[in-house]
Structures are given as C-alpha cells and as structure tokens.
Amino acid sequence: MSISRFLLAALIAAFAVGVTSDTSLAESNTITTLSTFASDSSMVLDASGNPVVAYRDSFDTRLRILHCDDPFCTGGGESLIMPEIESGQWPSIALDASGNPVVSYYTTPFDRLKLLRCDDPNCAGSESITRPDPQAFLLNGSTSIAIDAAGNPVIAYAPWAPLTEIRIMHCNDPNCAGDDESITIHDSLAASPSLKLDAAGNPVVAYYRSATQIFSTGTLRVMHCNDPDCAGGGETTTSPEPATGVTPSLQLDAAGNPVIAYYTGASTRDLKVMHCNDANCAGANESVTTPDSAGDVGSQPSLALNGGNPVVTYRDGDNSNLRLLYCNDPNCANGNDTVVPLDAALASGENSSVVVDGSGLPVITYDAGTDLRLLRCGDADCAETVGGLSELAPSIANADATFPLFWWLIASVLGLAVASTGLLARHRLSSHLATR
C-alpha cells in the first residue's frame, strides 16, 4: 500500500472512531460522555426516566439543553439545542407539569439573571427567554429554581447590591414576563442558595452566610418562608450548624424537614449531612454527621433522597475523583454508610448533579476533565464496577464536538505522517545496507 493510500485509510478509520457510539451497556455502572468541552450541569429525569440536562458549553460559553430519548443517552435520537447566542452559566433546571424544561441561569455580558421556558419537552419550538430582574448583577452566582402548583417559577439567587444578598423571586406567570414579579431581599453577605418548596408552596432555602465579603469563613443558614412570596418579614432564619457550610444542597423529607449536604471548606474540608427534626431547623438539636472526612472531600455536593436516605455526590479534592455517599438511614448516623469513588478520570467530580430514578438507582451528571459525563448506577449504592464507556451517537458528537474532533483528526494525520516518514526512511536505509 502506498503512503498516500495508507494515510487516507487511517484518516477514514480515525473519523469512524471519533464519531461512532459504543452502545454495548453492561448491567453495572455505565458512563456516557454527553459532551466535550462542557460543564456546570443541572439534571432532571423526565416521566420515562430519561435525562434532561442543562449545561454550559465551555468553548463558546452558551447554554445547551440536552433531552435524551433513552436512559443512557445513546442511540442517536437525543435532542440538543442552544436557545440563544449569549452565554449561559450555572443553570438550574426543572420540568413543568407537561414535562417542558424551565431553566434559570445567568448570562454574560453584564451577568444578569435569565429564565428559559420551553414550550415542548425538547425545546424545539418557540422558547421564551426573559430577564426578570434586570438590575441584578450576579457575578458568577448560582441560581436554584422550583415550579409552584400554578406552573410559575420560584428562583433563589444571590446578586451583588453592593454586597451579596439572598433574593427570592416568585413569578406571577409561567414566563416571568411583565417586569412585575415578586422579588424579596433577605440575608446579606450570602451566597450559594439551594431552594425547595414545602407542601404549602412556601420556599425553603439553604445558603452560605459569610462573616466577611471575602467568603473565607461563615455558617450554614436555613430560611423557611411563611408565605409563597417570602414577603411580610415573618420568615424563619436559623443557623443550626456553627461550622462553615459551603455550597449546600437541600432536599425536604416526607415530613417537610430539611436534609442538607454541605462542605465545611477550609476549616476541616469534610462532607457533612444535616437532617433537621422540624421544618425550620430550630431548637439546636438537629442531626449533624460527618460521613466522609478522609482528606479534602465534600466540595460541590449534590443531594437526593432514596426512601428518605441521603444519596450525595461530591468531589474528592485529594484524588480529583467523583465520590458517592449512600446512607443506610435518614441521618447517616450509623457509621457504616457506603462511600464509593467513581470515575478515575483526571479532575472528575466537579459540578455534579444527582437524582434517583424510579428503581432507586442514582443517576449523575458531572465534569470529567473537559468532558460532561452521565453515570447511571447499577445498584442503589453504585458499588458495581463501571461496565462500559459509551459516547453519544454521530448526530450529537458532530454537533457538540466539531472543534476538538477537527484538531484531533489533524493531530492523528500529522502523527501518521511522521510515523510513515520514519518507516520510509528505515526502508531506504535497509535497502542501502543490503546493497553494500
């Protein structure tokens, strides 16, 4: 075979490897790479158990919405859209009663809060994009969204004004349009809110309250509003844990009591779980446990409940890995909870988002190097080994990875050219020696 034909065949083979899918799935933990050069994911499951993921494209910083048509996001039928040309960072996603995505996020330039409302499950129609608090300057601030019984968004966020403060927006229409939403202002020097609605539709928010604007030390706080708008000044705000509580993740148990996973930050660098014994986390007698303290662990936690028992994903900072905590009781108090390292990819585990599917199995999105990955666990505590690494089908791979794939192919061709040149030189040298 000539050198040119060899290079052409290698290029075709390289292209095939770059865009085809490995859809063989073992009955164990299964990892799918959803996108290259992506991060900051927020994920929910639709009524069929298929992932719906909002994330940021790290290359062009735009918001993307991925709706998978199967539980593992393989097979080529996934829906992927980019709703606008402006950037979209730190999204928080929820589904309305029709299964349509509703996403809060902040956008640059000007770091403003935005709301995306899709009118179909794949965001393939006429999306509504509004800027409901045009004066809020978020400066890399996270958002947290929920949908009330009327289908209207409730959003917690922490803009600068001029110090950071917790704001609660309760929209009076599904699109947060009209510039007449209810916006209330609460604690100052606060950040990283995590929001849920109680049975009455009243917001419950866990957040980090700093001692100074530097945000080096501070406490975990819980605010429980006594009305859907958090108006009137009768909110209950407690500091049930004196230790630093960075980037908390909140869920409500069946009784409406908060369960919170959080990272203690520079103080001890541990993962903690608090389970309150009342709806306001009052009385200073909440259950607080430290289920993982092996080194620098617990940053950027995401919490779900499985039959009332906490399931937490977070980052192991020492080993740069994703970890999962599976508690075998509602308080993580027995000391024999399962802690599992997952995905040994370089710098995996940042920005994780975990939910539990209808079978009680965790489903996780997270950053892995420059990739965004989906992990579906083979059992409730993710103790199974990873069964297979699968990529998205060609339609998504091409749409989402054109830039890195192009340069990967160029590098492959150059490498083959160098190797071929070396082979040709060796052939000429061998011929020369043979004629001596």
Protein backbone atom coordinates (compact mmCIF):
# COMPACT_ATOMS: atom_id res chain seq x y z
CA MET A 1 0.00 0.00 0.00
CA SER A 2 1.32 3.47 -0.91
CA ILE A 3 1.94 6.05 1.76
CA SER A 4 -0.93 8.25 0.48
CA ARG A 5 -3.38 5.36 0.48
CA PHE A 6 -2.25 4.35 3.95
CA LEU A 7 -2.85 7.86 5.26
CA LEU A 8 -6.27 8.05 3.61
CA ALA A 9 -7.35 4.74 5.11
CA ALA A 10 -6.06 5.77 8.54
CA LEU A 11 -7.92 9.08 8.32
CA ILE A 12 -11.19 7.32 7.47
CA ALA A 13 -10.67 4.91 10.35
CA ALA A 14 -9.87 7.75 12.73
CA PHE A 15 -13.03 9.61 11.71
CA ALA A 16 -15.11 6.49 12.31
CA VAL A 17 -13.65 6.05 15.78
CA GLY A 18 -14.25 9.72 16.59
CA VAL A 19 -17.99 9.83 15.89
CA THR A 20 -19.47 6.37 16.34
CA SER A 21 -21.01 5.09 19.54
CA ASP A 22 -20.23 2.17 21.78
CA THR A 23 -23.77 1.28 22.77
CA SER A 24 -22.93 -2.02 24.49
CA LEU A 25 -24.10 -1.46 28.04
CA ALA A 26 -23.23 -3.79 30.89
CA GLU A 27 -25.66 -4.26 33.75
CA SER A 28 -23.48 -2.27 36.11
CA ASN A 29 -22.42 1.34 36.48
CA THR A 30 -22.43 2.80 32.97
CA ILE A 31 -20.77 6.03 31.87
CA THR A 32 -21.74 8.07 28.82
CA THR A 33 -19.81 11.10 27.65
CA LEU A 34 -22.50 13.65 26.90
CA SER A 35 -20.29 16.41 25.57
CA THR A 36 -16.70 17.52 25.25
CA PHE A 37 -15.70 20.99 26.47
CA ALA A 38 -18.75 21.33 28.74
CA SER A 39 -19.50 21.82 32.44
CA ASP A 40 -21.90 23.29 35.03
CA SER A 41 -24.66 20.72 34.58
CA SER A 42 -28.09 20.56 36.20
CA MET A 43 -30.11 17.43 35.52
CA VAL A 44 -33.62 16.05 36.00
CA LEU A 45 -35.37 12.94 34.68
CA ASP A 46 -38.48 13.05 32.53
CA ALA A 47 -41.53 10.84 33.12
CA SER A 48 -39.83 7.99 31.24
CA GLY A 49 -36.66 8.23 33.32
CA ASN A 50 -34.63 9.83 30.53
CA PRO A 51 -32.15 12.58 31.47
CA VAL A 52 -32.82 16.23 30.66
CA VAL A 53 -29.61 18.22 31.17
CA ALA A 54 -28.89 21.94 31.13
CA TYR A 55 -25.19 22.77 30.87
CA ARG A 56 -22.64 25.30 29.71
CA ASP A 57 -20.55 24.77 26.61
CA SER A 58 -17.02 25.59 27.74
CA PHE A 59 -15.89 26.53 24.23
CA ASP A 60 -18.49 29.16 23.34
CA THR A 61 -19.98 29.51 26.91
CA ARG A 62 -23.52 29.11 25.57
CA LEU A 63 -26.34 27.36 27.41
CA ARG A 64 -27.35 23.99 25.98
CA ILE A 65 -30.31 21.75 26.71
CA LEU A 66 -29.95 18.02 26.07
CA HIS A 67 -33.02 15.77 26.22
CA CYS A 68 -32.16 12.11 25.88
CA ASP A 69 -34.62 9.66 24.33
CA ASP A 70 -33.31 6.72 26.37
CA PRO A 71 -31.99 6.31 29.93
CA PHE A 72 -28.33 6.11 28.84
CA CYS A 73 -28.34 8.90 26.24
CA THR A 74 -27.17 6.59 23.47
CA GLY A 75 -28.58 5.64 20.09
CA GLY A 76 -28.54 8.95 18.24
CA GLY A 77 -32.06 10.23 18.97
CA GLU A 78 -31.08 12.81 21.55
CA SER A 79 -32.33 16.38 21.25
CA LEU A 80 -29.72 19.13 21.66
CA ILE A 81 -30.48 22.84 21.39
CA MET A 82 -28.72 26.14 22.02
CA PRO A 83 -31.53 28.58 22.85
CA GLU A 84 -29.61 31.86 22.44
CA ILE A 85 -26.30 33.37 21.40
CA GLU A 86 -25.47 34.87 24.80
CA SER A 87 -23.60 32.85 27.39
CA GLY A 88 -25.46 30.73 29.91
CA GLN A 89 -23.78 29.69 33.14
CA TRP A 90 -24.70 27.95 36.41
CA PRO A 91 -28.09 26.69 35.18
CA SER A 92 -30.76 25.19 37.41
CA ILE A 93 -33.39 23.08 35.63
CA ALA A 94 -36.91 21.94 36.50
CA LEU A 95 -39.74 20.41 34.44
CA ASP A 96 -43.24 21.82 34.39
CA ALA A 97 -46.38 19.67 34.56
CA SER A 98 -46.13 19.00 30.81
CA GLY A 99 -42.52 17.87 31.04
CA ASN A 100 -41.18 21.05 29.45
CA PRO A 101 -37.81 22.36 30.69
CA VAL A 102 -37.67 25.57 32.71
CA VAL A 103 -34.15 26.85 33.37
CA SER A 104 -32.78 29.71 35.44
CA TYR A 105 -29.23 30.82 34.70
CA TYR A 106 -27.05 33.87 34.49
CA THR A 107 -25.60 35.28 31.34
CA THR A 108 -22.73 37.50 30.31
CA PRO A 109 -22.15 40.21 29.37
CA PHE A 110 -23.47 42.12 32.36
CA ASP A 111 -24.03 38.97 34.50
CA ARG A 112 -27.81 39.10 34.51
CA LEU A 113 -30.35 36.55 35.68
CA LYS A 114 -32.31 34.89 32.87
CA LEU A 115 -35.16 32.41 32.59
CA LEU A 116 -35.67 29.98 29.72
CA ARG A 117 -39.15 28.48 29.33
CA CYS A 118 -39.59 25.78 26.69
CA ASP A 119 -43.00 25.10 25.17
CA ASP A 120 -42.23 21.44 24.42
CA PRO A 121 -40.09 18.72 26.07
CA ASN A 122 -37.23 19.13 23.55
CA CYS A 123 -37.20 22.95 23.49
CA ALA A 124 -37.69 22.64 19.74
CA GLY A 125 -40.42 25.24 19.35
CA SER A 126 -40.69 28.87 20.41
CA GLU A 127 -38.77 29.24 23.65
CA SER A 128 -39.43 32.17 25.95
CA ILE A 129 -36.30 33.88 27.31
CA THR A 130 -36.77 36.69 29.81
CA ARG A 131 -34.57 38.81 32.07
CA PRO A 132 -36.90 39.10 35.08
CA ASP A 133 -34.60 41.09 37.40
CA PRO A 134 -32.64 43.33 35.03
CA GLN A 135 -30.83 45.17 37.82
CA ALA A 136 -29.44 42.03 39.49
CA PHE A 137 -25.67 41.69 38.98
CA LEU A 138 -24.89 38.05 39.77
CA LEU A 139 -21.08 37.90 39.29
CA ASN A 140 -20.70 34.11 38.90
CA GLY A 141 -23.64 33.48 41.20
CA SER A 142 -25.53 30.20 41.18
CA THR A 143 -29.31 30.02 40.86
CA SER A 144 -31.86 27.49 42.17
CA ILE A 145 -35.33 27.03 40.67
CA ALA A 146 -38.61 25.31 41.57
CA ILE A 147 -42.07 25.37 39.95
CA ASP A 148 -45.14 26.16 42.05
CA ALA A 149 -48.54 24.46 41.74
CA ALA A 150 -49.68 27.05 39.19
CA GLY A 151 -46.66 26.39 36.98
CA ASN A 152 -44.91 29.64 37.89
CA PRO A 153 -41.16 29.67 38.65
CA VAL A 154 -39.69 30.42 42.05
CA ILE A 155 -35.99 31.32 41.92
CA ALA A 156 -33.38 31.85 44.63
CA TYR A 157 -30.24 33.76 43.64
CA ALA A 158 -27.55 35.92 45.23
CA PRO A 159 -26.75 39.16 43.39
CA TRP A 160 -24.39 41.95 44.45
CA ALA A 161 -26.16 45.11 45.63
CA PRO A 162 -23.42 46.19 46.55
CA LEU A 163 -22.83 43.24 48.89
CA THR A 164 -24.15 39.80 48.08
CA GLU A 165 -27.67 39.11 49.29
CA ILE A 166 -30.26 36.38 49.01
CA ARG A 167 -33.17 37.21 46.75
CA ILE A 168 -36.34 35.18 46.21
CA MET A 169 -38.29 35.77 43.01
CA HIS A 170 -41.82 34.37 42.72
CA CYS A 171 -43.12 34.90 39.22
CA ASN A 172 -46.81 35.60 38.65
CA ASP A 173 -46.81 33.96 35.22
CA PRO A 174 -45.05 30.92 33.73
CA ASN A 175 -42.56 33.03 31.73
CA CYS A 176 -41.65 35.58 34.41
CA ALA A 177 -42.66 38.27 31.94
CA GLY A 178 -44.05 41.75 32.53
CA ASP A 179 -41.41 43.07 34.96
CA ASP A 180 -43.88 42.71 37.84
CA GLU A 181 -42.65 39.61 39.63
CA SER A 182 -42.45 39.42 43.41
CA ILE A 183 -38.81 39.93 44.44
CA THR A 184 -37.87 39.98 48.10
CA ILE A 185 -34.44 40.60 49.64
CA HIS A 186 -33.15 38.69 52.64
CA ASP A 187 -29.77 37.98 54.22
CA SER A 188 -26.64 39.90 53.18
CA LEU A 189 -23.10 38.54 52.71
CA ALA A 190 -24.80 35.38 51.49
CA ALA A 191 -24.32 33.07 48.51
CA SER A 192 -24.97 29.62 47.01
CA PRO A 193 -28.72 29.25 47.67
CA SER A 194 -30.47 25.88 47.30
CA LEU A 195 -34.27 26.12 47.08
CA LYS A 196 -37.22 23.76 47.59
CA LEU A 197 -40.94 24.41 48.09
CA ASP A 198 -42.79 22.92 51.06
CA ALA A 199 -46.24 21.35 50.81
CA ALA A 200 -47.88 24.78 51.03
CA GLY A 201 -45.69 26.19 48.25
CA ASN A 202 -43.56 28.23 50.64
CA PRO A 203 -39.82 28.46 49.83
CA VAL A 204 -37.22 26.74 51.99
CA VAL A 205 -33.66 27.90 51.25
CA ALA A 206 -30.29 26.69 52.49
CA TYR A 207 -27.38 29.03 51.83
CA TYR A 208 -23.93 30.08 52.98
CA ARG A 209 -23.64 33.22 55.09
CA SER A 210 -20.12 34.61 55.28
CA ALA A 211 -18.56 36.53 58.13
CA THR A 212 -16.89 38.89 55.63
CA GLN A 213 -17.16 39.73 51.97
CA ILE A 214 -14.07 37.56 51.37
CA PHE A 215 -16.22 34.44 51.99
CA SER A 216 -13.43 32.61 53.78
CA THR A 217 -15.43 31.74 56.89
CA GLY A 218 -19.11 31.67 57.69
CA THR A 219 -22.06 29.49 58.59
CA LEU A 220 -24.80 27.42 57.04
CA ARG A 221 -28.21 29.07 57.25
CA VAL A 222 -31.74 27.86 56.60
CA MET A 223 -34.62 30.19 55.76
CA HIS A 224 -38.22 28.95 55.78
CA CYS A 225 -40.76 31.41 54.41
CA ASN A 226 -44.29 31.53 55.81
CA ASP A 227 -45.85 32.57 52.51
CA PRO A 228 -45.16 31.77 48.82
CA ASP A 229 -43.53 35.17 48.18
CA CYS A 230 -41.34 35.31 51.31
CA ALA A 231 -42.97 38.67 51.97
CA GLY A 232 -44.11 40.28 55.19
CA GLY A 233 -40.97 39.75 57.24
CA GLY A 234 -42.18 36.67 59.11
CA GLU A 235 -39.62 34.27 57.66
CA THR A 236 -37.76 31.91 59.98
CA THR A 237 -33.97 32.01 59.59
CA THR A 238 -31.75 29.74 61.66
CA SER A 239 -28.06 28.89 61.87
CA PRO A 240 -28.32 25.29 63.05
CA GLU A 241 -24.68 24.44 62.36
CA PRO A 242 -21.81 26.62 63.62
CA ALA A 243 -19.33 25.10 61.17
CA THR A 244 -18.78 26.57 57.74
CA GLY A 245 -21.35 25.25 55.25
CA VAL A 246 -20.23 25.98 51.69
CA THR A 247 -22.40 25.31 48.61
CA PRO A 248 -25.21 23.47 50.41
CA SER A 249 -27.62 21.14 48.61
CA LEU A 250 -31.14 20.89 50.06
CA GLN A 251 -33.97 18.35 49.93
CA LEU A 252 -37.12 18.01 52.04
CA ASP A 253 -38.04 14.67 53.60
CA ALA A 254 -41.57 13.24 53.64
CA ALA A 255 -42.40 15.29 56.75
CA GLY A 256 -41.16 18.51 55.14
CA ASN A 257 -38.00 18.68 57.24
CA PRO A 258 -34.81 19.88 55.53
CA VAL A 259 -31.96 17.50 54.71
CA ILE A 260 -28.79 19.33 53.68
CA ALA A 261 -25.42 18.17 52.37
CA TYR A 262 -22.59 20.70 52.57
CA TYR A 263 -18.83 21.14 52.54
CA THR A 264 -17.02 22.62 55.53
CA GLY A 265 -14.49 24.42 53.35
CA ALA A 266 -11.05 25.42 54.57
CA SER A 267 -11.93 24.81 58.22
CA THR A 268 -11.91 20.98 58.09
CA ARG A 269 -12.59 20.13 54.40
CA ASP A 270 -15.20 17.48 55.20
CA LEU A 271 -18.57 16.40 53.87
CA LYS A 272 -21.40 16.90 56.34
CA VAL A 273 -25.08 15.97 56.31
CA MET A 274 -27.70 17.71 58.44
CA HIS A 275 -31.19 16.27 58.94
CA CYS A 276 -33.47 18.68 60.76
CA ASN A 277 -36.14 17.33 63.11
CA ASP A 278 -38.52 20.19 62.37
CA ALA A 279 -39.45 22.25 59.33
CA ASN A 280 -37.44 25.30 60.48
CA CYS A 281 -34.28 23.56 61.72
CA ALA A 282 -34.92 25.24 65.07
CA GLY A 283 -34.04 24.12 68.57
CA ALA A 284 -30.32 23.44 68.08
CA ASN A 285 -30.93 19.68 68.21
CA GLU A 286 -30.67 18.70 64.55
CA SER A 287 -28.81 15.59 63.46
CA VAL A 288 -25.40 16.61 62.09
CA THR A 289 -22.99 13.90 60.91
CA THR A 290 -19.69 13.77 59.06
CA PRO A 291 -19.97 10.67 56.87
CA ASP A 292 -16.76 11.38 54.92
CA SER A 293 -13.69 13.13 56.32
CA ALA A 294 -10.90 11.24 54.54
CA GLY A 295 -8.83 14.16 53.34
CA ASP A 296 -10.24 17.06 51.36
CA VAL A 297 -13.70 15.71 50.49
CA GLY A 298 -17.18 17.07 50.03
CA SER A 299 -16.87 20.09 47.78
CA GLN A 300 -19.78 20.94 45.45
CA PRO A 301 -22.18 18.34 46.85
CA SER A 302 -25.47 17.36 45.24
CA LEU A 303 -28.11 15.62 47.35
CA ALA A 304 -31.01 13.30 46.54
CA LEU A 305 -33.15 11.12 48.81
CA ASN A 306 -33.80 7.42 48.29
CA GLY A 307 -36.67 6.38 50.53
CA GLY A 308 -35.62 9.14 52.91
CA ASN A 309 -31.96 8.11 52.97
CA PRO A 310 -29.45 10.65 51.64
CA VAL A 311 -27.52 9.99 48.44
CA VAL A 312 -24.77 12.56 47.88
CA THR A 313 -22.32 13.09 45.06
CA TYR A 314 -19.29 15.32 45.63
CA ARG A 315 -15.64 15.78 44.80
CA ASP A 316 -12.62 14.14 46.38
CA GLY A 317 -10.14 17.00 46.17
CA ASP A 318 -7.11 14.93 47.09
CA ASN A 319 -7.61 12.37 44.31
CA SER A 320 -9.59 14.56 41.89
CA ASN A 321 -12.37 11.98 41.69
CA LEU A 322 -16.13 11.86 41.83
CA ARG A 323 -17.45 10.22 45.01
CA LEU A 324 -20.86 8.97 46.08
CA LEU A 325 -22.18 8.64 49.62
CA TYR A 326 -25.08 6.25 50.16
CA CYS A 327 -26.53 6.43 53.68
CA ASN A 328 -28.38 3.44 55.09
CA ASP A 329 -30.51 5.57 57.43
CA PRO A 330 -32.10 9.05 57.16
CA ASN A 331 -29.43 10.67 59.36
CA CYS A 332 -26.29 8.96 58.00
CA ALA A 333 -25.70 8.18 61.67
CA ASN A 334 -24.77 4.51 61.90
CA GLY A 335 -21.18 4.90 60.79
CA ASN A 336 -21.43 2.17 58.16
CA ASP A 337 -22.64 4.19 55.19
CA THR A 338 -21.21 3.41 51.77
CA VAL A 339 -18.64 5.76 50.24
CA VAL A 340 -17.70 4.86 46.68
CA PRO A 341 -15.10 6.50 44.42
CA LEU A 342 -16.41 6.81 40.87
CA ASP A 343 -14.72 7.56 37.56
CA ALA A 344 -10.98 7.90 37.93
CA ALA A 345 -10.78 10.40 35.06
CA LEU A 346 -8.48 13.33 35.66
CA ALA A 347 -10.27 16.05 37.65
CA SER A 348 -13.65 14.35 37.71
CA GLY A 349 -16.48 15.16 40.10
CA GLU A 350 -16.91 18.91 39.83
CA ASN A 351 -20.40 20.37 39.33
CA SER A 352 -22.19 17.07 39.89
CA SER A 353 -25.96 16.70 39.82
CA VAL A 354 -27.62 13.55 41.21
CA VAL A 355 -31.18 12.25 41.08
CA VAL A 356 -32.65 8.85 41.98
CA ASP A 357 -34.69 7.10 39.30
CA GLY A 358 -37.91 5.13 39.76
CA SER A 359 -35.94 1.97 40.55
CA GLY A 360 -33.99 3.66 43.35
CA LEU A 361 -30.78 3.89 41.31
CA PRO A 362 -28.65 7.07 41.27
CA VAL A 363 -28.21 8.96 38.01
CA ILE A 364 -25.36 11.50 37.96
CA THR A 365 -24.02 14.18 35.63
CA TYR A 366 -20.60 15.69 36.38
CA ASP A 367 -17.46 17.21 34.93
CA ALA A 368 -14.63 14.85 33.99
CA GLY A 369 -11.68 16.84 32.76
CA THR A 370 -13.09 18.84 29.87
CA ASP A 371 -15.98 16.39 29.37
CA LEU A 372 -19.51 16.31 30.70
CA ARG A 373 -20.49 12.76 31.65
CA LEU A 374 -23.56 10.81 32.69
CA LEU A 375 -23.25 7.89 35.11
CA ARG A 376 -26.16 5.52 35.73
CA CYS A 377 -25.55 3.26 38.70
CA GLY A 378 -26.17 -0.47 38.51
CA ASP A 379 -27.33 -0.64 42.12
CA ALA A 380 -28.51 1.72 44.83
CA ASP A 381 -25.07 2.47 46.25
CA CYS A 382 -23.13 2.47 42.94
CA ALA A 383 -20.91 -0.32 44.25
CA GLU A 384 -20.85 -2.09 40.88
CA THR A 385 -17.84 -1.61 38.65
CA VAL A 386 -18.14 0.55 35.56
CA GLY A 387 -19.42 -1.58 32.72
CA GLY A 388 -18.66 0.40 29.59
CA LEU A 389 -17.71 3.83 28.35
CA SER A 390 -20.17 4.89 25.66
CA GLU A 391 -20.27 8.00 23.53
CA LEU A 392 -23.19 9.83 22.01
CA ALA A 393 -24.28 8.92 18.52
CA PRO A 394 -22.83 10.76 15.48
CA SER A 395 -25.51 13.46 15.24
CA ILE A 396 -24.72 14.75 18.72
CA ALA A 397 -20.99 14.05 18.58
CA ASN A 398 -20.67 16.12 15.42
CA ALA A 399 -22.82 18.99 16.70
CA ASP A 400 -21.14 19.19 20.06
CA ALA A 401 -17.52 18.31 19.37
CA THR A 402 -16.70 19.66 15.91
CA PHE A 403 -13.84 21.82 17.15
CA PRO A 404 -12.00 19.25 19.30
CA LEU A 405 -12.70 16.45 16.79
CA PHE A 406 -11.22 18.54 13.97
CA TRP A 407 -7.99 19.13 15.84
CA TRP A 408 -7.88 15.52 16.99
CA LEU A 409 -8.09 14.39 13.36
CA ILE A 410 -5.36 16.86 12.32
CA ALA A 411 -3.11 15.56 15.11
CA SER A 412 -3.82 11.98 14.05
CA VAL A 413 -2.90 12.69 10.43
CA LEU A 414 0.29 14.51 11.42
CA GLY A 415 1.23 11.65 13.71
CA LEU A 416 0.64 9.12 10.97
CA ALA A 417 2.62 11.24 8.54
CA VAL A 418 5.57 11.36 10.92
CA ALA A 419 5.33 7.62 11.52
CA SER A 420 5.11 6.94 7.78
CA THR A 421 8.13 9.16 7.10
CA GLY A 422 10.04 7.16 9.68
CA LEU A 423 9.03 3.87 8.08
CA LEU A 424 10.07 5.16 4.65
CA ALA A 425 13.46 6.29 5.98
CA ARG A 426 14.02 2.90 7.61
CA HIS A 427 13.08 1.17 4.35
CA ARG A 428 15.59 3.27 2.39
CA LEU A 429 18.31 2.64 5.00
CA SER A 430 17.66 -1.11 4.88
CA SER A 431 17.85 -1.08 1.07
CA HIS A 432 21.10 0.89 1.20
CA LEU A 433 22.68 -1.54 3.68
CA ALA A 434 21.51 -4.52 1.63
CA THR A 435 23.38 -3.27 -1.45
CA ARG A 436 26.64 -2.63 0.35
